[in-house]
PDB file of N, CA and C in Angstrom:
ATOM      1  N   MET A   1      -6.649  -2.015 -17.163  1.00  0.00           N
ATOM      2  CA  MET A   1      -5.695  -1.999 -16.080  1.00  0.00           C
ATOM      3  C   MET A   1      -5.998  -0.807 -15.168  1.00  0.00           C
ATOM      4  N   LEU A   2      -5.784  -1.004 -13.871  1.00  0.00           N
ATOM      5  CA  LEU A   2      -6.003   0.032 -12.870  1.00  0.00           C
ATOM      6  C   LEU A   2      -4.681   0.295 -12.155  1.00  0.00           C
ATOM      7  N   THR A   3      -4.250   1.547 -12.148  1.00  0.00           N
ATOM      8  CA  THR A   3      -3.046   1.943 -11.420  1.00  0.00           C
ATOM      9  C   THR A   3      -3.430   2.997 -10.396  1.00  0.00           C
ATOM     10  N   LEU A   4      -3.080   2.745  -9.151  1.00  0.00           N
ATOM     11  CA  LEU A   4      -3.379   3.663  -8.053  1.00  0.00           C
ATOM     12  C   LEU A   4      -2.088   4.093  -7.375  1.00  0.00           C
ATOM     13  N   TYR A   5      -2.094   5.313  -6.830  1.00  0.00           N
ATOM     14  CA  TYR A   5      -1.012   5.714  -5.950  1.00  0.00           C
ATOM     15  C   TYR A   5      -1.627   6.073  -4.613  1.00  0.00           C
ATOM     16  N   VAL A   6      -0.916   5.731  -3.556  1.00  0.00           N
ATOM     17  CA  VAL A   6      -1.363   6.041  -2.209  1.00  0.00           C
ATOM     18  C   VAL A   6      -0.200   6.712  -1.493  1.00  0.00           C
ATOM     19  N   LYS A   7      -0.424   7.945  -1.065  1.00  0.00           N
ATOM     20  CA  LYS A   7       0.600   8.678  -0.320  1.00  0.00           C
ATOM     21  C   LYS A   7       0.244   8.602   1.155  1.00  0.00           C
ATOM     22  N   TYR A   8       1.097   7.933   1.906  1.00  0.00           N
ATOM     23  CA  TYR A   8       0.925   7.815   3.353  1.00  0.00           C
ATOM     24  C   TYR A   8       1.850   8.809   4.039  1.00  0.00           C
ATOM     25  N   THR A   9       1.318   9.556   4.996  1.00  0.00           N
ATOM     26  CA  THR A   9       2.150  10.367   5.875  1.00  0.00           C
ATOM     27  C   THR A   9       2.176   9.656   7.220  1.00  0.00           C
ATOM     28  N   ALA A  10       3.339   9.129   7.543  1.00  0.00           N
ATOM     29  CA  ALA A  10       3.491   8.351   8.772  1.00  0.00           C
ATOM     30  C   ALA A  10       3.629   9.271   9.979  1.00  0.00           C
ATOM     31  N   LYS A  11       3.312   8.726  11.134  1.00  0.00           N
ATOM     32  CA  LYS A  11       3.607   9.431  12.373  1.00  0.00           C
ATOM     33  C   LYS A  11       5.128   9.606  12.427  1.00  0.00           C
ATOM     34  N   PRO A  12       5.612  10.663  13.070  1.00  0.00           N
ATOM     35  CA  PRO A  12       7.056  10.922  13.076  1.00  0.00           C
ATOM     36  C   PRO A  12       7.876   9.689  13.466  1.00  0.00           C
ATOM     37  N   GLY A  13       8.842   9.357  12.605  1.00  0.00           N
ATOM     38  CA  GLY A  13       9.746   8.244  12.857  1.00  0.00           C
ATOM     39  C   GLY A  13       9.169   6.859  12.620  1.00  0.00           C
ATOM     40  N   CYS A  14       7.983   6.764  12.020  1.00  0.00           N
ATOM     41  CA  CYS A  14       7.309   5.464  11.892  1.00  0.00           C
ATOM     42  C   CYS A  14       7.250   4.891  10.483  1.00  0.00           C
ATOM     43  N   ARG A  15       7.715   5.594   9.471  1.00  0.00           N
ATOM     44  CA  ARG A  15       7.504   5.081   8.112  1.00  0.00           C
ATOM     45  C   ARG A  15       8.235   3.768   7.862  1.00  0.00           C
ATOM     46  N   GLU A  16       9.485   3.646   8.333  1.00  0.00           N
ATOM     47  CA  GLU A  16      10.221   2.410   8.114  1.00  0.00           C
ATOM     48  C   GLU A  16       9.583   1.248   8.869  1.00  0.00           C
ATOM     49  N   SER A  17       9.101   1.504  10.078  1.00  0.00           N
ATOM     50  CA  SER A  17       8.450   0.454  10.873  1.00  0.00           C
ATOM     51  C   SER A  17       7.181  -0.042  10.192  1.00  0.00           C
ATOM     52  N   TYR A  18       6.429   0.859   9.595  1.00  0.00           N
ATOM     53  CA  TYR A  18       5.202   0.497   8.890  1.00  0.00           C
ATOM     54  C   TYR A  18       5.502  -0.489   7.760  1.00  0.00           C
ATOM     55  N   VAL A  19       6.423  -0.119   6.900  1.00  0.00           N
ATOM     56  CA  VAL A  19       6.746  -0.983   5.761  1.00  0.00           C
ATOM     57  C   VAL A  19       7.433  -2.259   6.239  1.00  0.00           C
ATOM     58  N   ARG A  20       8.327  -2.159   7.211  1.00  0.00           N
ATOM     59  CA  ARG A  20       9.018  -3.348   7.729  1.00  0.00           C
ATOM     60  C   ARG A  20       8.011  -4.374   8.275  1.00  0.00           C
ATOM     61  N   ASP A  21       7.000  -3.912   9.001  1.00  0.00           N
ATOM     62  CA  ASP A  21       5.995  -4.834   9.546  1.00  0.00           C
ATOM     63  C   ASP A  21       5.167  -5.476   8.431  1.00  0.00           C
ATOM     64  N   ILE A  22       4.837  -4.714   7.406  1.00  0.00           N
ATOM     65  CA  ILE A  22       4.085  -5.269   6.271  1.00  0.00           C
ATOM     66  C   ILE A  22       4.887  -6.386   5.603  1.00  0.00           C
ATOM     67  N   VAL A  23       6.186  -6.162   5.466  1.00  0.00           N
ATOM     68  CA  VAL A  23       7.055  -7.165   4.846  1.00  0.00           C
ATOM     69  C   VAL A  23       7.272  -8.355   5.784  1.00  0.00           C
ATOM     70  N   SER A  24       7.633  -8.095   7.025  1.00  0.00           N
ATOM     71  CA  SER A  24       7.991  -9.189   7.944  1.00  0.00           C
ATOM     72  C   SER A  24       6.796 -10.078   8.297  1.00  0.00           C
ATOM     73  N   GLU A  25       5.592  -9.532   8.259  1.00  0.00           N
ATOM     74  CA  GLU A  25       4.406 -10.339   8.543  1.00  0.00           C
ATOM     75  C   GLU A  25       3.896 -11.079   7.304  1.00  0.00           C
ATOM     76  N   GLY A  26       4.559 -10.898   6.173  1.00  0.00           N
ATOM     77  CA  GLY A  26       4.188 -11.610   4.954  1.00  0.00           C
ATOM     78  C   GLY A  26       3.026 -11.004   4.191  1.00  0.00           C
ATOM     79  N   ILE A  27       2.570  -9.845   4.617  1.00  0.00           N
ATOM     80  CA  ILE A  27       1.422  -9.216   3.962  1.00  0.00           C
ATOM     81  C   ILE A  27       1.769  -8.820   2.529  1.00  0.00           C
ATOM     82  N   LEU A  28       2.939  -8.243   2.323  1.00  0.00           N
ATOM     83  CA  LEU A  28       3.327  -7.802   0.984  1.00  0.00           C
ATOM     84  C   LEU A  28       3.412  -8.991   0.023  1.00  0.00           C
ATOM     85  N   THR A  29       4.019 -10.068   0.454  1.00  0.00           N
ATOM     86  CA  THR A  29       4.122 -11.268  -0.386  1.00  0.00           C
ATOM     87  C   THR A  29       2.745 -11.816  -0.713  1.00  0.00           C
ATOM     88  N   THR A  30       1.854 -11.825   0.253  1.00  0.00           N
ATOM     89  CA  THR A  30       0.489 -12.318   0.048  1.00  0.00           C
ATOM     90  C   THR A  30      -0.257 -11.452  -0.965  1.00  0.00           C
ATOM     91  N   ILE A  31      -0.131 -10.143  -0.832  1.00  0.00           N
ATOM     92  CA  ILE A  31      -0.804  -9.231  -1.773  1.00  0.00           C
ATOM     93  C   ILE A  31      -0.279  -9.439  -3.184  1.00  0.00           C
ATOM     94  N   ARG A  32       1.038  -9.516  -3.313  1.00  0.00           N
ATOM     95  CA  ARG A  32       1.628  -9.680  -4.651  1.00  0.00           C
ATOM     96  C   ARG A  32       1.216 -10.989  -5.322  1.00  0.00           C
ATOM     97  N   ALA A  33       0.823 -11.975  -4.521  1.00  0.00           N
ATOM     98  CA  ALA A  33       0.384 -13.266  -5.068  1.00  0.00           C
ATOM     99  C   ALA A  33      -1.105 -13.297  -5.405  1.00  0.00           C
ATOM    100  N   GLU A  34      -1.834 -12.238  -5.061  1.00  0.00           N
ATOM    101  CA  GLU A  34      -3.266 -12.196  -5.338  1.00  0.00           C
ATOM    102  C   GLU A  34      -3.538 -12.197  -6.840  1.00  0.00           C
ATOM    103  N   ASP A  35      -4.650 -12.809  -7.200  1.00  0.00           N
ATOM    104  CA  ASP A  35      -5.086 -12.834  -8.592  1.00  0.00           C
ATOM    105  C   ASP A  35      -5.286 -11.407  -9.089  1.00  0.00           C
ATOM    106  N   GLY A  36      -4.670 -11.074 -10.192  1.00  0.00           N
ATOM    107  CA  GLY A  36      -4.852  -9.757 -10.797  1.00  0.00           C
ATOM    108  C   GLY A  36      -3.862  -8.704 -10.357  1.00  0.00           C
ATOM    109  N   CYS A  37      -3.007  -9.006  -9.377  1.00  0.00           N
ATOM    110  CA  CYS A  37      -2.016  -8.026  -8.922  1.00  0.00           C
ATOM    111  C   CYS A  37      -0.840  -8.008  -9.884  1.00  0.00           C
ATOM    112  N   LEU A  38      -0.590  -6.856 -10.474  1.00  0.00           N
ATOM    113  CA  LEU A  38       0.523  -6.692 -11.406  1.00  0.00           C
ATOM    114  C   LEU A  38       1.720  -6.020 -10.734  1.00  0.00           C
ATOM    115  N   ARG A  39       1.424  -5.183  -9.734  1.00  0.00           N
ATOM    116  CA  ARG A  39       2.488  -4.434  -9.060  1.00  0.00           C
ATOM    117  C   ARG A  39       1.958  -3.935  -7.730  1.00  0.00           C
ATOM    118  N   TYR A  40       2.810  -3.989  -6.709  1.00  0.00           N
ATOM    119  CA  TYR A  40       2.451  -3.475  -5.396  1.00  0.00           C
ATOM    120  C   TYR A  40       3.762  -3.122  -4.713  1.00  0.00           C
ATOM    121  N   ASP A  41       4.185  -1.855  -4.838  1.00  0.00           N
ATOM    122  CA  ASP A  41       5.513  -1.438  -4.399  1.00  0.00           C
ATOM    123  C   ASP A  41       5.451  -0.191  -3.530  1.00  0.00           C
ATOM    124  N   TYR A  42       6.253  -0.202  -2.457  1.00  0.00           N
ATOM    125  CA  TYR A  42       6.383   0.944  -1.564  1.00  0.00           C
ATOM    126  C   TYR A  42       7.680   1.695  -1.855  1.00  0.00           C
ATOM    127  N   TYR A  43       7.631   3.043  -1.738  1.00  0.00           N
ATOM    128  CA  TYR A  43       8.799   3.896  -1.961  1.00  0.00           C
ATOM    129  C   TYR A  43       8.866   4.938  -0.845  1.00  0.00           C
ATOM    130  N   PHE A  44      10.076   5.233  -0.390  1.00  0.00           N
ATOM    131  CA  PHE A  44      10.285   6.287   0.601  1.00  0.00           C
ATOM    132  C   PHE A  44      10.625   7.583  -0.109  1.00  0.00           C
ATOM    133  N   SER A  45      10.015   8.677   0.332  1.00  0.00           N
ATOM    134  CA  SER A  45      10.325   9.995  -0.222  1.00  0.00           C
ATOM    135  C   SER A  45      11.716  10.434   0.216  1.00  0.00           C
ATOM    136  N   ALA A  46      12.476  11.005  -0.718  1.00  0.00           N
ATOM    137  CA  ALA A  46      13.788  11.563  -0.390  1.00  0.00           C
ATOM    138  C   ALA A  46      13.656  12.955   0.227  1.00  0.00           C
ATOM    139  N   GLN A  47      12.528  13.627  -0.034  1.00  0.00           N
ATOM    140  CA  GLN A  47      12.335  14.993   0.442  1.00  0.00           C
ATOM    141  C   GLN A  47      11.551  15.082   1.751  1.00  0.00           C
ATOM    142  N   GLU A  48      10.645  14.133   1.980  1.00  0.00           N
ATOM    143  CA  GLU A  48       9.777  14.188   3.161  1.00  0.00           C
ATOM    144  C   GLU A  48       9.991  12.936   3.997  1.00  0.00           C
ATOM    145  N   GLU A  49      10.599  13.097   5.180  1.00  0.00           N
ATOM    146  CA  GLU A  49      11.039  11.949   5.969  1.00  0.00           C
ATOM    147  C   GLU A  49       9.917  11.054   6.488  1.00  0.00           C
ATOM    148  N   ASN A  50       8.691  11.506   6.475  1.00  0.00           N
ATOM    149  CA  ASN A  50       7.591  10.684   6.978  1.00  0.00           C
ATOM    150  C   ASN A  50       6.660  10.171   5.878  1.00  0.00           C
ATOM    151  N   VAL A  51       7.029  10.362   4.613  1.00  0.00           N
ATOM    152  CA  VAL A  51       6.152   9.995   3.508  1.00  0.00           C
ATOM    153  C   VAL A  51       6.565   8.668   2.879  1.00  0.00           C
ATOM    154  N   VAL A  52       5.550   7.825   2.675  1.00  0.00           N
ATOM    155  CA  VAL A  52       5.696   6.549   1.971  1.00  0.00           C
ATOM    156  C   VAL A  52       4.720   6.577   0.805  1.00  0.00           C
ATOM    157  N   LEU A  53       5.177   6.208  -0.371  1.00  0.00           N
ATOM    158  CA  LEU A  53       4.322   6.139  -1.546  1.00  0.00           C
ATOM    159  C   LEU A  53       4.120   4.679  -1.923  1.00  0.00           C
ATOM    160  N   LEU A  54       2.878   4.297  -2.146  1.00  0.00           N
ATOM    161  CA  LEU A  54       2.535   2.962  -2.627  1.00  0.00           C
ATOM    162  C   LEU A  54       2.015   3.097  -4.053  1.00  0.00           C
ATOM    163  N   ILE A  55       2.591   2.325  -4.962  1.00  0.00           N
ATOM    164  CA  ILE A  55       2.077   2.224  -6.325  1.00  0.00           C
ATOM    165  C   ILE A  55       1.516   0.819  -6.469  1.00  0.00           C
ATOM    166  N   GLU A  56       0.236   0.730  -6.778  1.00  0.00           N
ATOM    167  CA  GLU A  56      -0.372  -0.587  -6.981  1.00  0.00           C
ATOM    168  C   GLU A  56      -1.028  -0.632  -8.348  1.00  0.00           C
ATOM    169  N   GLN A  57      -0.872  -1.759  -8.990  1.00  0.00           N
ATOM    170  CA  GLN A  57      -1.408  -1.940 -10.335  1.00  0.00           C
ATOM    171  C   GLN A  57      -2.142  -3.278 -10.379  1.00  0.00           C
ATOM    172  N   TRP A  58      -3.366  -3.222 -10.922  1.00  0.00           N
ATOM    173  CA  TRP A  58      -4.249  -4.384 -10.977  1.00  0.00           C
ATOM    174  C   TRP A  58      -4.740  -4.593 -12.404  1.00  0.00           C
ATOM    175  N   GLU A  59      -5.045  -5.819 -12.732  1.00  0.00           N
ATOM    176  CA  GLU A  59      -5.592  -6.113 -14.055  1.00  0.00           C
ATOM    177  C   GLU A  59      -6.908  -5.399 -14.284  1.00  0.00           C
ATOM    178  N   SER A  60      -7.702  -5.203 -13.195  1.00  0.00           N
ATOM    179  CA  SER A  60      -8.999  -4.546 -13.324  1.00  0.00           C
ATOM    180  C   SER A  60      -9.420  -3.946 -11.977  1.00  0.00           C
ATOM    181  N   GLU A  61     -10.423  -3.094 -12.021  1.00  0.00           N
ATOM    182  CA  GLU A  61     -10.983  -2.542 -10.785  1.00  0.00           C
ATOM    183  C   GLU A  61     -11.596  -3.643  -9.933  1.00  0.00           C
ATOM    184  N   GLU A  62     -12.166  -4.653 -10.562  1.00  0.00           N
ATOM    185  CA  GLU A  62     -12.754  -5.776  -9.824  1.00  0.00           C
ATOM    186  C   GLU A  62     -11.680  -6.520  -9.023  1.00  0.00           C
ATOM    187  N   HIS A  63     -10.512  -6.728  -9.600  1.00  0.00           N
ATOM    188  CA  HIS A  63      -9.423  -7.387  -8.867  1.00  0.00           C
ATOM    189  C   HIS A  63      -9.034  -6.563  -7.638  1.00  0.00           C
ATOM    190  N   GLN A  64      -8.959  -5.255  -7.797  1.00  0.00           N
ATOM    191  CA  GLN A  64      -8.594  -4.399  -6.673  1.00  0.00           C
ATOM    192  C   GLN A  64      -9.689  -4.384  -5.615  1.00  0.00           C
ATOM    193  N   ARG A  65     -10.943  -4.419  -6.029  1.00  0.00           N
ATOM    194  CA  ARG A  65     -12.060  -4.458  -5.077  1.00  0.00           C
ATOM    195  C   ARG A  65     -11.997  -5.737  -4.245  1.00  0.00           C
ATOM    196  N   ILE A  66     -11.748  -6.864  -4.888  1.00  0.00           N
ATOM    197  CA  ILE A  66     -11.633  -8.146  -4.183  1.00  0.00           C
ATOM    198  C   ILE A  66     -10.431  -8.119  -3.229  1.00  0.00           C
ATOM    199  N   HIS A  67      -9.340  -7.527  -3.679  1.00  0.00           N
ATOM    200  CA  HIS A  67      -8.131  -7.374  -2.847  1.00  0.00           C
ATOM    201  C   HIS A  67      -8.463  -6.679  -1.528  1.00  0.00           C
ATOM    202  N   MET A  68      -9.260  -5.639  -1.582  1.00  0.00           N
ATOM    203  CA  MET A  68      -9.579  -4.873  -0.374  1.00  0.00           C
ATOM    204  C   MET A  68     -10.403  -5.665   0.629  1.00  0.00           C
ATOM    205  N   GLN A  69     -10.999  -6.764   0.205  1.00  0.00           N
ATOM    206  CA  GLN A  69     -11.838  -7.583   1.080  1.00  0.00           C
ATOM    207  C   GLN A  69     -11.102  -8.794   1.654  1.00  0.00           C
ATOM    208  N   GLN A  70      -9.832  -8.960   1.322  1.00  0.00           N
ATOM    209  CA  GLN A  70      -9.074 -10.128   1.772  1.00  0.00           C
ATOM    210  C   GLN A  70      -8.759 -10.027   3.261  1.00  0.00           C
ATOM    211  N   PRO A  71      -8.663 -11.172   3.948  1.00  0.00           N
ATOM    212  CA  PRO A  71      -8.409 -11.181   5.397  1.00  0.00           C
ATOM    213  C   PRO A  71      -7.119 -10.453   5.805  1.00  0.00           C
ATOM    214  N   HIS A  72      -6.066 -10.560   5.017  1.00  0.00           N
ATOM    215  CA  HIS A  72      -4.802  -9.902   5.385  1.00  0.00           C
ATOM    216  C   HIS A  72      -4.909  -8.379   5.354  1.00  0.00           C
ATOM    217  N   MET A  73      -5.925  -7.866   4.671  1.00  0.00           N
ATOM    218  CA  MET A  73      -6.098  -6.420   4.637  1.00  0.00           C
ATOM    219  C   MET A  73      -6.587  -5.877   5.989  1.00  0.00           C
ATOM    220  N   THR A  74      -7.218  -6.715   6.782  1.00  0.00           N
ATOM    221  CA  THR A  74      -7.604  -6.308   8.137  1.00  0.00           C
ATOM    222  C   THR A  74      -6.352  -5.985   8.945  1.00  0.00           C
ATOM    223  N   ARG A  75      -5.347  -6.846   8.856  1.00  0.00           N
ATOM    224  CA  ARG A  75      -4.092  -6.610   9.574  1.00  0.00           C
ATOM    225  C   ARG A  75      -3.378  -5.380   9.020  1.00  0.00           C
ATOM    226  N   LEU A  76      -3.401  -5.197   7.712  1.00  0.00           N
ATOM    227  CA  LEU A  76      -2.762  -4.027   7.121  1.00  0.00           C
ATOM    228  C   LEU A  76      -3.430  -2.746   7.623  1.00  0.00           C
ATOM    229  N   ARG A  77      -4.752  -2.761   7.754  1.00  0.00           N
ATOM    230  CA  ARG A  77      -5.465  -1.583   8.282  1.00  0.00           C
ATOM    231  C   ARG A  77      -5.086  -1.330   9.746  1.00  0.00           C
ATOM    232  N   GLU A  78      -4.871  -2.398  10.507  1.00  0.00           N
ATOM    233  CA  GLU A  78      -4.423  -2.233  11.905  1.00  0.00           C
ATOM    234  C   GLU A  78      -3.056  -1.564  11.951  1.00  0.00           C
ATOM    235  N   LEU A  79      -2.140  -2.009  11.104  1.00  0.00           N
ATOM    236  CA  LEU A  79      -0.810  -1.395  11.047  1.00  0.00           C
ATOM    237  C   LEU A  79      -0.909   0.061  10.615  1.00  0.00           C
ATOM    238  N   LYS A  80      -1.770   0.327   9.657  1.00  0.00           N
ATOM    239  CA  LYS A  80      -1.969   1.699   9.205  1.00  0.00           C
ATOM    240  C   LYS A  80      -2.438   2.574  10.367  1.00  0.00           C
ATOM    241  N   GLY A  81      -3.372   2.082  11.162  1.00  0.00           N
ATOM    242  CA  GLY A  81      -3.851   2.831  12.319  1.00  0.00           C
ATOM    243  C   GLY A  81      -2.765   3.101  13.341  1.00  0.00           C
ATOM    244  N   GLN A  82      -1.834   2.169  13.451  1.00  0.00           N
ATOM    245  CA  GLN A  82      -0.738   2.300  14.408  1.00  0.00           C
ATOM    246  C   GLN A  82       0.327   3.294  13.934  1.00  0.00           C
ATOM    247  N   TYR A  83       0.622   3.317  12.635  1.00  0.00           N
ATOM    248  CA  TYR A  83       1.771   4.061  12.127  1.00  0.00           C
ATOM    249  C   TYR A  83       1.467   5.280  11.259  1.00  0.00           C
ATOM    250  N   ILE A  84       0.260   5.390  10.716  1.00  0.00           N
ATOM    251  CA  ILE A  84      -0.017   6.394   9.690  1.00  0.00           C
ATOM    252  C   ILE A  84      -0.961   7.485  10.202  1.00  0.00           C
ATOM    253  N   ASP A  85      -0.614   8.749   9.892  1.00  0.00           N
ATOM    254  CA  ASP A  85      -1.445   9.897  10.266  1.00  0.00           C
ATOM    255  C   ASP A  85      -2.404  10.310   9.159  1.00  0.00           C
ATOM    256  N   ASP A  86      -1.987  10.188   7.890  1.00  0.00           N
ATOM    257  CA  ASP A  86      -2.804  10.695   6.785  1.00  0.00           C
ATOM    258  C   ASP A  86      -2.588   9.834   5.550  1.00  0.00           C
ATOM    259  N   THR A  87      -3.658   9.689   4.764  1.00  0.00           N
ATOM    260  CA  THR A  87      -3.600   8.909   3.529  1.00  0.00           C
ATOM    261  C   THR A  87      -4.276   9.699   2.419  1.00  0.00           C
ATOM    262  N   GLN A  88      -3.602   9.784   1.273  1.00  0.00           N
ATOM    263  CA  GLN A  88      -4.179  10.403   0.077  1.00  0.00           C
ATOM    264  C   GLN A  88      -4.031   9.402  -1.058  1.00  0.00           C
ATOM    265  N   MET A  89      -5.101   9.223  -1.812  1.00  0.00           N
ATOM    266  CA  MET A  89      -5.080   8.236  -2.884  1.00  0.00           C
ATOM    267  C   MET A  89      -5.545   8.861  -4.188  1.00  0.00           C
ATOM    268  N   GLY A  90      -5.004   8.354  -5.281  1.00  0.00           N
ATOM    269  CA  GLY A  90      -5.430   8.812  -6.599  1.00  0.00           C
ATOM    270  C   GLY A  90      -5.221   7.741  -7.637  1.00  0.00           C
ATOM    271  N   LYS A  91      -5.894   7.927  -8.758  1.00  0.00           N
ATOM    272  CA  LYS A  91      -5.770   7.031  -9.908  1.00  0.00           C
ATOM    273  C   LYS A  91      -4.793   7.625 -10.893  1.00  0.00           C
ATOM    274  N   VAL A  92      -4.012   6.756 -11.513  1.00  0.00           N
ATOM    275  CA  VAL A  92      -3.079   7.196 -12.539  1.00  0.00           C
ATOM    276  C   VAL A  92      -3.651   6.788 -13.889  1.00  0.00           C
ATOM    277  N   GLN A  93      -3.727   7.733 -14.798  1.00  0.00           N
ATOM    278  CA  GLN A  93      -4.185   7.451 -16.156  1.00  0.00           C
ATOM    279  C   GLN A  93      -2.954   7.354 -17.049  1.00  0.00           C
ATOM    280  N   LEU A  94      -2.653   6.159 -17.514  1.00  0.00           N
ATOM    281  CA  LEU A  94      -1.516   5.967 -18.395  1.00  0.00           C
ATOM    282  C   LEU A  94      -1.965   6.027 -19.837  1.00  0.00           C
ATOM    283  N   LEU A  95      -1.274   6.772 -20.634  1.00  0.00           N
ATOM    284  CA  LEU A  95      -1.629   6.906 -22.041  1.00  0.00           C
ATOM    285  C   LEU A  95      -0.913   5.881 -22.877  1.00  0.00           C
TER     286      LEU A  95
END
């Protein structure tokens, strides 16, 4: 299993719009239906008004690699360019 976290720092006042567009355009539903997707959830920081955290969990690294090549990810990258200033990603090791 592969668990990743992605910390997005949105442009001021844009974090809700970023997630709302992902949901309203059906991108989130499409991702969650992908083969191997176990979890794909966004969270808003209570301490930092422009921070969005994404936790994604995949059956394998191969499933996540294929996910990144899907057509809907092109649109997600466009939204990211519109709303996000910085992205930090890491792997979570669960014991």
